[in-house]
Protein backbone atom coordinates (compact mmCIF):
# COMPACT_ATOMS: atom_id res chain seq x y z
CA MET A 1 0.00 0.00 0.00
CA GLN A 2 1.42 3.37 -1.02
CA PRO A 3 1.65 6.15 1.57
CA SER A 4 -1.05 8.80 1.28
CA PHE A 5 -0.51 12.02 -0.65
CA VAL A 6 -0.31 13.99 2.61
CA VAL A 7 2.30 11.65 4.08
CA ARG A 8 4.41 11.77 0.90
CA GLN A 9 4.36 15.55 0.79
CA ALA A 10 5.07 15.85 4.52
CA LEU A 11 8.10 13.60 4.11
CA GLN A 12 9.31 15.59 1.11
CA LEU A 13 8.93 18.85 3.00
CA ALA A 14 10.94 17.44 5.93
CA LEU A 15 13.74 16.36 3.56
CA THR A 16 13.72 19.76 1.88
CA ALA A 17 13.86 21.61 5.19
CA ASN A 18 16.80 19.46 6.29
CA ALA A 19 18.66 20.20 3.04
CA LEU A 20 18.06 23.93 3.44
CA LYS A 21 19.18 24.00 7.06
CA PRO A 22 20.61 20.73 8.41
CA PRO A 23 20.74 20.33 12.19
CA ARG A 24 24.14 20.60 13.82
CA GLY A 25 25.70 18.14 16.25
CA ALA A 26 27.37 14.75 16.25
CA ARG A 27 24.18 12.80 16.96
CA THR A 28 22.32 14.11 13.92
CA ALA A 29 25.30 14.40 11.56
CA VAL A 30 24.92 11.10 9.69
CA PRO A 31 21.12 11.18 9.13
CA ALA A 32 21.29 14.88 8.25
CA PHE A 33 24.00 14.11 5.71
CA PHE A 34 22.21 11.26 3.96
CA ALA A 35 18.88 13.07 3.83
CA GLY A 36 20.35 16.41 2.79
CA TRP A 37 22.91 15.12 0.29
CA LEU A 38 20.47 13.43 -2.08
CA THR A 39 17.75 16.04 -1.67
CA GLY A 40 20.09 18.92 -2.39
CA GLU A 41 21.76 17.40 -5.44
CA LEU A 42 18.54 15.95 -6.90
CA ALA A 43 16.38 19.01 -6.21
CA PRO A 44 15.32 19.50 -9.89
CA HIS A 45 14.22 15.88 -10.14
CA LEU A 46 12.37 16.03 -6.81
CA LEU A 47 10.66 19.26 -7.84
CA ALA A 48 9.39 17.57 -10.99
CA LEU A 49 8.18 14.57 -8.97
CA THR A 50 6.46 16.81 -6.42
CA ALA A 51 4.65 18.71 -9.16
CA ALA A 52 3.66 15.46 -10.91
CA ASP A 53 2.39 13.93 -7.66
CA ALA A 54 0.32 17.02 -6.88
CA ALA A 55 -1.10 17.16 -10.41
CA ALA A 56 -2.01 13.45 -10.32
CA HIS A 57 -3.67 13.89 -6.93
CA VAL A 58 -5.81 16.78 -8.18
CA ALA A 59 -6.73 14.88 -11.36
CA ARG A 60 -7.85 11.85 -9.35
CA HIS A 61 -9.74 13.66 -6.60
CA ARG A 62 -10.74 17.01 -8.13
CA SER A 63 -13.15 18.60 -5.63
CA GLY A 64 -11.98 16.23 -2.93
CA SER A 65 -8.32 17.19 -3.15
CA SER A 66 -6.45 17.39 0.10
CA LYS A 67 -5.85 21.03 0.99
CA ALA A 68 -3.27 20.00 3.57
CA GLY A 69 -1.40 17.86 1.06
CA LEU A 70 -1.41 20.59 -1.59
CA ALA A 71 -0.19 23.12 0.95
CA LEU A 72 2.67 20.80 1.86
CA ALA A 73 3.46 20.25 -1.83
CA THR A 74 3.51 24.01 -2.42
CA ALA A 75 5.89 24.52 0.50
CA SER A 76 8.11 21.68 -0.74
CA ALA A 77 8.17 23.12 -4.26
CA ALA A 78 9.19 26.51 -2.91
CA GLY A 79 11.96 24.94 -0.84
CA LEU A 80 13.20 22.83 -3.74
CA GLY A 81 13.23 25.92 -5.94
CA ALA A 82 15.38 27.62 -3.32
CA LEU A 83 17.76 24.64 -3.33
CA ILE A 84 18.06 24.85 -7.12
CA ALA A 85 18.81 28.57 -6.96
CA GLN A 86 21.35 27.90 -4.21
CA SER A 87 23.05 25.25 -6.36
CA GLN A 88 23.47 27.73 -9.19
CA ARG A 89 25.57 29.96 -6.93
CA ALA A 90 28.40 27.45 -7.20
CA ARG A 91 29.37 28.86 -10.60
CA GLY A 92 30.12 32.30 -9.16
CA GLU A 93 31.63 30.91 -5.96
CA ILE A 94 34.09 28.78 -7.89
CA GLU A 95 35.09 31.61 -10.21
CA THR A 96 35.56 34.02 -7.30
CA ALA A 97 37.73 31.45 -5.51
CA LEU A 98 39.94 31.06 -8.58
CA THR A 99 40.39 34.75 -9.28
CA GLU A 100 41.14 35.49 -5.62
CA GLY A 101 43.42 32.47 -5.23
CA ILE A 102 45.40 32.33 -8.46
CA GLY A 103 44.85 35.73 -10.03
CA ASN A 104 42.27 37.80 -11.88
CA ALA A 105 43.90 37.03 -15.24
CA TYR A 106 44.34 33.29 -14.72
CA ALA A 107 41.97 32.44 -17.59
CA ASP A 108 44.28 34.27 -20.01
CA GLU A 109 46.90 31.61 -19.29
CA LEU A 110 44.63 28.71 -20.28
CA GLU A 111 44.91 27.15 -23.71
CA HIS A 112 41.14 27.21 -24.03
CA PRO A 113 39.59 29.90 -21.78
CA PRO A 114 36.03 28.95 -20.80
CA SER A 115 33.24 30.13 -23.10
CA PRO A 116 29.72 30.98 -21.92
CA THR A 117 28.64 27.54 -23.16
CA ASP A 118 31.36 25.89 -21.06
CA LEU A 119 30.08 27.69 -17.97
CA ALA A 120 26.38 27.00 -18.53
CA THR A 121 24.53 24.32 -16.56
CA PRO A 122 24.61 21.07 -18.60
CA TRP A 123 20.93 20.19 -18.23
CA GLY A 124 21.14 17.32 -20.70
CA GLN A 125 23.79 15.58 -18.63
CA LEU A 126 21.88 16.17 -15.41
CA ALA A 127 18.70 14.51 -16.68
CA MET A 128 20.26 11.09 -16.02
CA PRO A 129 22.67 11.74 -13.15
CA PHE A 130 23.57 8.14 -12.43
CA ARG A 131 24.60 7.31 -15.98
CA MET A 132 28.31 8.04 -15.63
CA ARG A 133 29.91 6.85 -18.83
CA ASP A 134 31.39 8.68 -21.79
CA PRO A 135 32.07 7.17 -25.22
CA GLU A 136 35.08 9.44 -25.62
CA VAL A 137 36.81 7.97 -22.55
CA ARG A 138 38.54 4.59 -22.36
CA ARG A 139 38.81 2.86 -18.97
CA THR A 140 41.42 0.20 -18.20
CA ARG A 141 40.42 -1.62 -15.02
CA ASP A 142 42.13 -3.42 -12.16
CA ILE A 143 45.82 -2.83 -12.79
CA ALA A 144 48.02 -3.93 -9.86
CA TYR A 145 50.31 -1.17 -8.62
CA ALA A 146 51.68 -3.32 -5.80
CA PRO A 147 51.25 -6.91 -4.57
CA GLY A 148 48.43 -7.54 -2.12
CA GLY A 149 45.19 -8.15 -4.01
CA LYS A 150 42.19 -5.95 -4.79
CA ARG A 151 43.09 -3.17 -2.36
CA PHE A 152 46.19 -2.49 -4.47
CA LEU A 153 44.48 -2.06 -7.83
CA LEU A 154 43.93 1.04 -9.92
CA ASP A 155 41.91 2.08 -12.96
CA VAL A 156 43.16 4.33 -15.77
CA TYR A 157 40.79 6.71 -17.56
CA ALA A 158 42.20 8.03 -20.83
CA PRO A 159 40.90 9.73 -23.97
CA ARG A 160 39.53 7.24 -26.49
CA GLU A 161 42.03 8.56 -29.03
CA PRO A 162 45.62 7.84 -27.90
CA VAL A 163 47.59 10.74 -26.43
CA THR A 164 51.18 11.33 -25.37
CA GLY A 165 52.60 13.59 -22.68
CA ALA A 166 49.23 14.20 -21.03
CA PRO A 167 49.03 15.62 -17.48
CA ILE A 168 47.87 13.15 -14.83
CA LEU A 169 45.17 13.37 -12.16
CA LEU A 170 45.27 10.89 -9.27
CA GLN A 171 41.89 10.27 -7.55
CA VAL A 172 41.77 8.91 -3.97
CA HIS A 173 38.38 7.68 -2.75
CA GLY A 174 36.89 8.46 0.64
CA GLY A 175 34.93 6.37 3.13
CA ALA A 176 36.26 7.22 6.60
CA TRP A 177 39.36 5.04 5.91
CA VAL A 178 37.17 1.95 6.46
CA ILE A 179 34.94 1.63 3.35
CA GLY A 180 34.88 2.68 -0.30
CA ASN A 181 36.60 1.77 -3.53
CA LYS A 182 37.92 3.27 -6.74
CA ASP A 183 34.67 2.65 -8.67
CA GLN A 184 32.44 4.87 -6.55
CA GLN A 185 33.85 8.39 -6.36
CA GLY A 186 35.38 11.12 -8.47
CA LEU A 187 33.76 9.83 -11.67
CA PRO A 188 32.26 13.13 -12.91
CA LEU A 189 35.63 14.88 -12.58
CA MET A 190 37.68 12.01 -14.05
CA LEU A 191 35.40 11.55 -17.05
CA HIS A 192 35.43 15.30 -17.66
CA MET A 193 39.21 15.57 -17.46
CA ALA A 194 39.90 12.43 -19.51
CA LYS A 195 37.59 13.73 -22.22
CA ARG A 196 39.76 16.85 -22.29
CA GLY A 197 43.01 15.00 -22.76
CA TRP A 198 44.15 14.12 -19.23
CA ILE A 199 45.09 10.73 -17.87
CA CYS A 200 43.08 10.04 -14.70
CA ILE A 201 43.94 7.26 -12.29
CA ALA A 202 41.68 6.04 -9.47
CA ILE A 203 43.21 3.85 -6.78
CA ASN A 204 42.16 1.44 -4.09
CA TYR A 205 44.13 1.33 -0.85
CA PRO A 206 44.03 -0.85 2.31
CA LEU A 207 41.11 -0.16 4.63
CA SER A 208 40.79 -0.22 8.39
CA PRO A 209 40.33 -1.99 10.69
CA ALA A 210 42.11 -4.75 8.78
CA ALA A 211 44.84 -2.27 7.85
CA ARG A 212 46.19 0.23 10.35
CA TRP A 213 47.79 3.59 9.82
CA PRO A 214 50.05 4.42 7.96
CA ALA A 215 49.14 1.61 5.52
CA HIS A 216 46.67 3.93 3.74
CA ILE A 217 49.12 6.70 2.87
CA VAL A 218 51.96 4.28 2.17
CA ALA A 219 49.75 2.57 -0.42
CA ALA A 220 48.83 5.91 -1.99
CA LYS A 221 52.53 6.72 -2.29
CA ARG A 222 53.21 3.30 -3.82
CA ALA A 223 50.52 4.06 -6.38
CA LEU A 224 52.17 7.40 -7.10
CA ALA A 225 55.53 5.68 -7.57
CA TRP A 226 53.86 3.24 -9.97
CA ILE A 227 52.41 6.17 -11.91
CA ARG A 228 55.82 7.76 -12.26
CA ASP A 229 57.26 4.49 -13.58
CA ASN A 230 54.39 3.55 -15.90
CA ALA A 231 52.52 6.70 -16.92
CA GLU A 232 54.19 7.05 -20.29
CA SER A 233 52.85 3.70 -21.48
CA TYR A 234 49.32 5.08 -20.95
CA GLY A 235 50.07 8.42 -22.58
CA GLY A 236 50.81 10.36 -19.40
CA ASP A 237 53.49 12.87 -18.44
CA PRO A 238 55.10 11.57 -15.20
CA SER A 239 56.54 15.00 -14.45
CA PHE A 240 53.09 16.38 -13.62
CA VAL A 241 50.77 14.56 -11.23
CA ALA A 242 47.90 16.38 -9.53
CA VAL A 243 45.84 14.72 -6.81
CA THR A 244 42.23 14.98 -5.69
CA GLY A 245 39.89 13.12 -3.37
CA GLY A 246 36.96 13.63 -1.05
CA SER A 247 36.54 13.19 2.71
CA ALA A 248 39.10 10.59 3.85
CA GLY A 249 40.34 10.74 0.26
CA GLY A 250 40.71 14.50 0.68
CA HIS A 251 42.79 13.84 3.79
CA LEU A 252 45.03 11.40 1.91
CA ALA A 253 45.27 13.69 -1.13
CA ALA A 254 46.31 16.66 1.02
CA LEU A 255 48.78 14.57 3.02
CA LEU A 256 50.23 13.16 -0.19
CA ALA A 257 50.78 16.69 -1.46
CA LEU A 258 52.36 17.86 1.81
CA THR A 259 54.75 14.92 2.45
CA ALA A 260 56.68 14.63 -0.79
CA ASN A 261 59.50 12.08 -0.57
CA ASP A 262 59.08 11.57 3.19
CA PRO A 263 61.12 8.40 3.85
CA ALA A 264 59.00 7.50 6.90
CA LEU A 265 56.03 7.02 4.57
CA GLN A 266 57.96 5.21 1.82
CA PRO A 267 59.30 2.01 3.40
CA GLY A 268 61.22 0.03 0.81
CA PHE A 269 60.87 2.67 -1.91
CA THR A 270 62.52 5.75 -0.45
CA GLU A 271 64.16 6.54 -3.77
CA ALA A 272 60.81 7.03 -5.54
CA ASP A 273 59.68 10.54 -6.45
CA THR A 274 56.39 11.08 -4.60
CA SER A 275 56.06 14.80 -5.20
CA ILE A 276 52.70 16.26 -6.21
CA GLN A 277 52.38 19.26 -8.50
CA ALA A 278 48.84 20.40 -7.56
CA CYS A 279 46.15 19.36 -5.08
CA ALA A 280 42.35 19.80 -5.18
CA PRO A 281 40.86 18.16 -2.06
CA HIS A 282 37.09 18.16 -1.60
CA TYR A 283 35.46 18.25 1.87
CA GLY A 284 38.62 16.74 3.32
CA VAL A 285 39.58 15.81 6.86
CA TYR A 286 42.56 18.04 7.66
CA ASP A 287 42.69 18.13 11.47
CA PHE A 288 43.54 14.45 11.92
CA ALA A 289 45.13 14.96 15.33
CA ALA A 290 42.52 17.44 16.65
CA THR A 291 45.23 19.99 17.41
CA SER A 292 42.89 22.84 16.46
CA GLY A 293 40.76 22.10 19.51
CA ARG A 294 37.56 21.88 17.44
CA ARG A 295 34.96 19.69 19.12
CA SER A 296 34.09 17.85 15.90
CA SER A 297 37.76 16.98 15.36
CA GLN A 298 38.12 15.73 18.92
CA THR A 299 35.01 13.55 18.60
CA ARG A 300 36.26 12.05 15.34
CA LEU A 301 39.68 11.38 16.85
CA LYS A 302 38.24 9.52 19.84
CA THR A 303 35.42 7.60 18.18
CA LEU A 304 36.89 6.75 14.78
CA ILE A 305 40.57 7.45 14.21
CA ALA A 306 42.03 6.22 17.51
CA ARG A 307 39.70 3.20 17.72
CA HIS A 308 39.63 1.97 14.13
CA VAL A 309 42.38 3.58 12.04
CA PHE A 310 45.43 3.51 14.32
CA GLU A 311 46.72 0.50 16.21
CA SER A 312 44.76 0.07 19.42
CA ASP A 313 47.88 0.44 21.56
CA ARG A 314 48.79 3.83 20.04
CA ASP A 315 46.39 6.19 21.77
CA PRO A 316 46.52 9.92 20.99
CA VAL A 317 47.46 10.82 24.56
CA ASN A 318 50.75 8.91 24.60
CA PHE A 319 51.45 8.88 20.85
CA LEU A 320 50.23 12.31 19.78
CA ASP A 321 53.24 12.81 17.48
CA ASP A 322 52.09 9.87 15.35
CA TYR A 323 48.72 11.53 14.83
CA ILE A 324 50.30 14.91 14.11
CA ALA A 325 52.51 13.28 11.47
CA ALA A 326 49.31 12.06 9.78
CA SER A 327 47.53 15.42 9.94
CA PRO A 328 47.61 17.75 6.90
CA LEU A 329 46.88 20.70 9.18
CA ASP A 330 50.18 20.07 10.97
CA ARG A 331 52.30 19.12 7.94
CA ILE A 332 52.13 22.39 5.96
CA THR A 333 55.45 23.88 4.83
CA GLU A 334 56.49 26.60 2.45
CA ASP A 335 57.09 23.92 -0.20
CA ALA A 336 53.41 22.95 -0.52
CA PRO A 337 52.19 22.80 -4.13
CA PRO A 338 49.25 24.92 -5.36
CA PHE A 339 45.99 23.98 -3.63
CA PHE A 340 42.34 24.41 -4.53
CA VAL A 341 40.37 23.51 -1.39
CA ILE A 342 36.63 22.95 -1.85
CA HIS A 343 34.13 22.50 0.97
CA GLY A 344 30.37 22.64 1.42
CA VAL A 345 28.88 25.15 3.83
CA HIS A 346 26.30 22.58 5.01
CA ASP A 347 28.73 19.68 5.46
CA SER A 348 27.40 17.68 8.42
CA LEU A 349 30.26 15.16 8.62
CA VAL A 350 33.29 17.49 8.33
CA PRO A 351 32.21 21.00 9.37
CA VAL A 352 33.40 23.78 7.10
CA GLY A 353 35.40 25.43 9.91
CA GLU A 354 38.02 22.70 9.56
CA ALA A 355 38.63 23.65 5.92
CA ARG A 356 38.79 27.34 6.82
CA GLU A 357 41.54 26.68 9.35
CA PHE A 358 43.46 24.51 6.90
CA VAL A 359 43.30 27.22 4.25
CA ARG A 360 44.32 29.90 6.76
CA ARG A 361 47.45 27.95 7.67
CA LEU A 362 48.19 27.11 4.04
CA ARG A 363 48.07 30.78 3.08
CA GLU A 364 50.20 31.65 6.08
CA LYS A 365 53.01 29.17 5.30
CA SER A 366 52.92 28.10 1.67
CA GLN A 367 54.84 29.99 -0.99
CA ARG A 368 52.41 28.86 -3.70
CA GLU A 369 48.87 29.75 -4.64
CA VAL A 370 45.91 28.70 -2.49
CA ALA A 371 42.35 28.94 -3.81
CA TYR A 372 39.40 28.20 -1.55
CA ALA A 373 35.73 27.79 -2.43
CA GLU A 374 32.94 27.46 0.11
CA ILE A 375 29.97 26.05 -1.77
CA SER A 376 26.57 27.32 -0.61
CA GLY A 377 24.18 24.60 0.47
CA ALA A 378 26.60 21.78 -0.31
CA GLN A 379 26.59 18.70 1.88
CA HIS A 380 29.37 16.16 2.23
CA ALA A 381 29.96 14.11 -0.95
CA PHE A 382 28.01 16.58 -3.10
CA ASP A 383 30.10 15.71 -6.19
CA VAL A 384 29.62 11.92 -6.30
CA PHE A 385 27.22 12.16 -9.26
CA PRO A 386 26.45 14.97 -11.73
CA SER A 387 24.26 17.76 -10.38
CA ILE A 388 23.96 21.51 -10.93
CA ARG A 389 26.42 22.17 -8.13
CA SER A 390 28.89 19.43 -8.95
CA ALA A 391 28.93 20.34 -12.65
CA HIS A 392 30.08 23.88 -11.85
CA VAL A 393 32.64 22.58 -9.38
CA VAL A 394 34.02 20.03 -11.86
CA ARG A 395 34.52 22.74 -14.48
CA GLY A 396 36.18 25.01 -11.95
CA VAL A 397 38.57 22.25 -10.90
CA GLU A 398 39.35 21.69 -14.58
CA ARG A 399 40.35 25.36 -14.92
CA PHE A 400 42.51 25.16 -11.80
CA LEU A 401 44.25 21.99 -12.97
CA GLU A 402 44.90 23.36 -16.44
CA TRP A 403 46.29 26.55 -14.92
CA ALA A 404 48.48 24.54 -12.52
CA TYR A 405 49.81 22.37 -15.36
CA ARG A 406 50.74 25.34 -17.53
CA SER A 407 52.18 27.18 -14.54
CA GLU A 408 54.36 24.20 -13.65
CA LYS A 409 55.59 23.86 -17.23
CA ARG A 410 56.58 27.52 -17.26
CA ARG A 411 58.38 27.15 -13.93
CA SER A 412 60.28 24.05 -15.04
CA SER A 413 61.36 25.71 -18.30
CA GLY A 414 62.44 28.87 -16.50
CA SER A 415 60.12 31.11 -18.49
């Protein structure tokens, strides 16, 4: 038996209200995230469904239509319209972040500056958001970058037509260091970049609790070493590797960028070049050791990181230095590569204040460019599938990566 029209519209209104203003606090973080994430990114689809449901109800019942249900549907439609308008702000927020972070004239340095069509919302793509394939992109699956089984596999996304000397983007999945795989995240960005001539590589890495820190970052560095040794056979330029990732993947991406050639994290392959030329973490965990004093960081440290990610006998009270060594917030130096940090204002799992502090310290210490975009209304994981918001973010990251690649080539040539 289907729920009544009133119940359906009441539920939709509750989901919409949560997406517009999610509750704060550790107890509500996970349900607020799941409810708000899908509602916010699928707002156009839900608006169409709400309108269709209301129209069908009126057609069936005519004079007996539920006034309460229609009132709820009207309120939901207004809220969903607000979510759509909020999503469209991402275009301006991304562009402002880039001009403030890397310069007002950065677009002049791009080989193909964005046209109005490039910046428009791709409604055709968004109509089927879970269909993430592109005929112009070739995917090579399950390549072993180290011994150890499926957690040490990677996929290569490349243009269908062979290329040579293409810049490389490394994608690191999230999942709180305990779940996730290379097939689930970063697909909109990787497909977009591969279609534009980049080589994109998505990796698996060992997960906790079976694997304990630093196995995760060591594996990511092994993958990077593999890329440097093998990129040319896939058409890539091993001299330029950018890295991206979300959540725990954002943590690993940032740490990878900030710990180039650290022998403590490269056991058995200390000679490998593990430098990163640009980093674009999304909604990352940066305060791994909770040294900022933020309550959310302290809760995460006690309930997740110390219990499930680190060895049980290495508590943060007696082994704080181990946690600091794993914390991007505490590993920033003047040698950090260019960063483009992206975070949602409504992130329930990693509050936006953590990203603000990371960016503040980056700008204070790093000698390179730091761009930062706070995305209005965005929840955690907002970019997992194509949406209005994620489409604008993907295109902004493309512009940052192209700028970083051309900037690095100029630096290396001395021009």
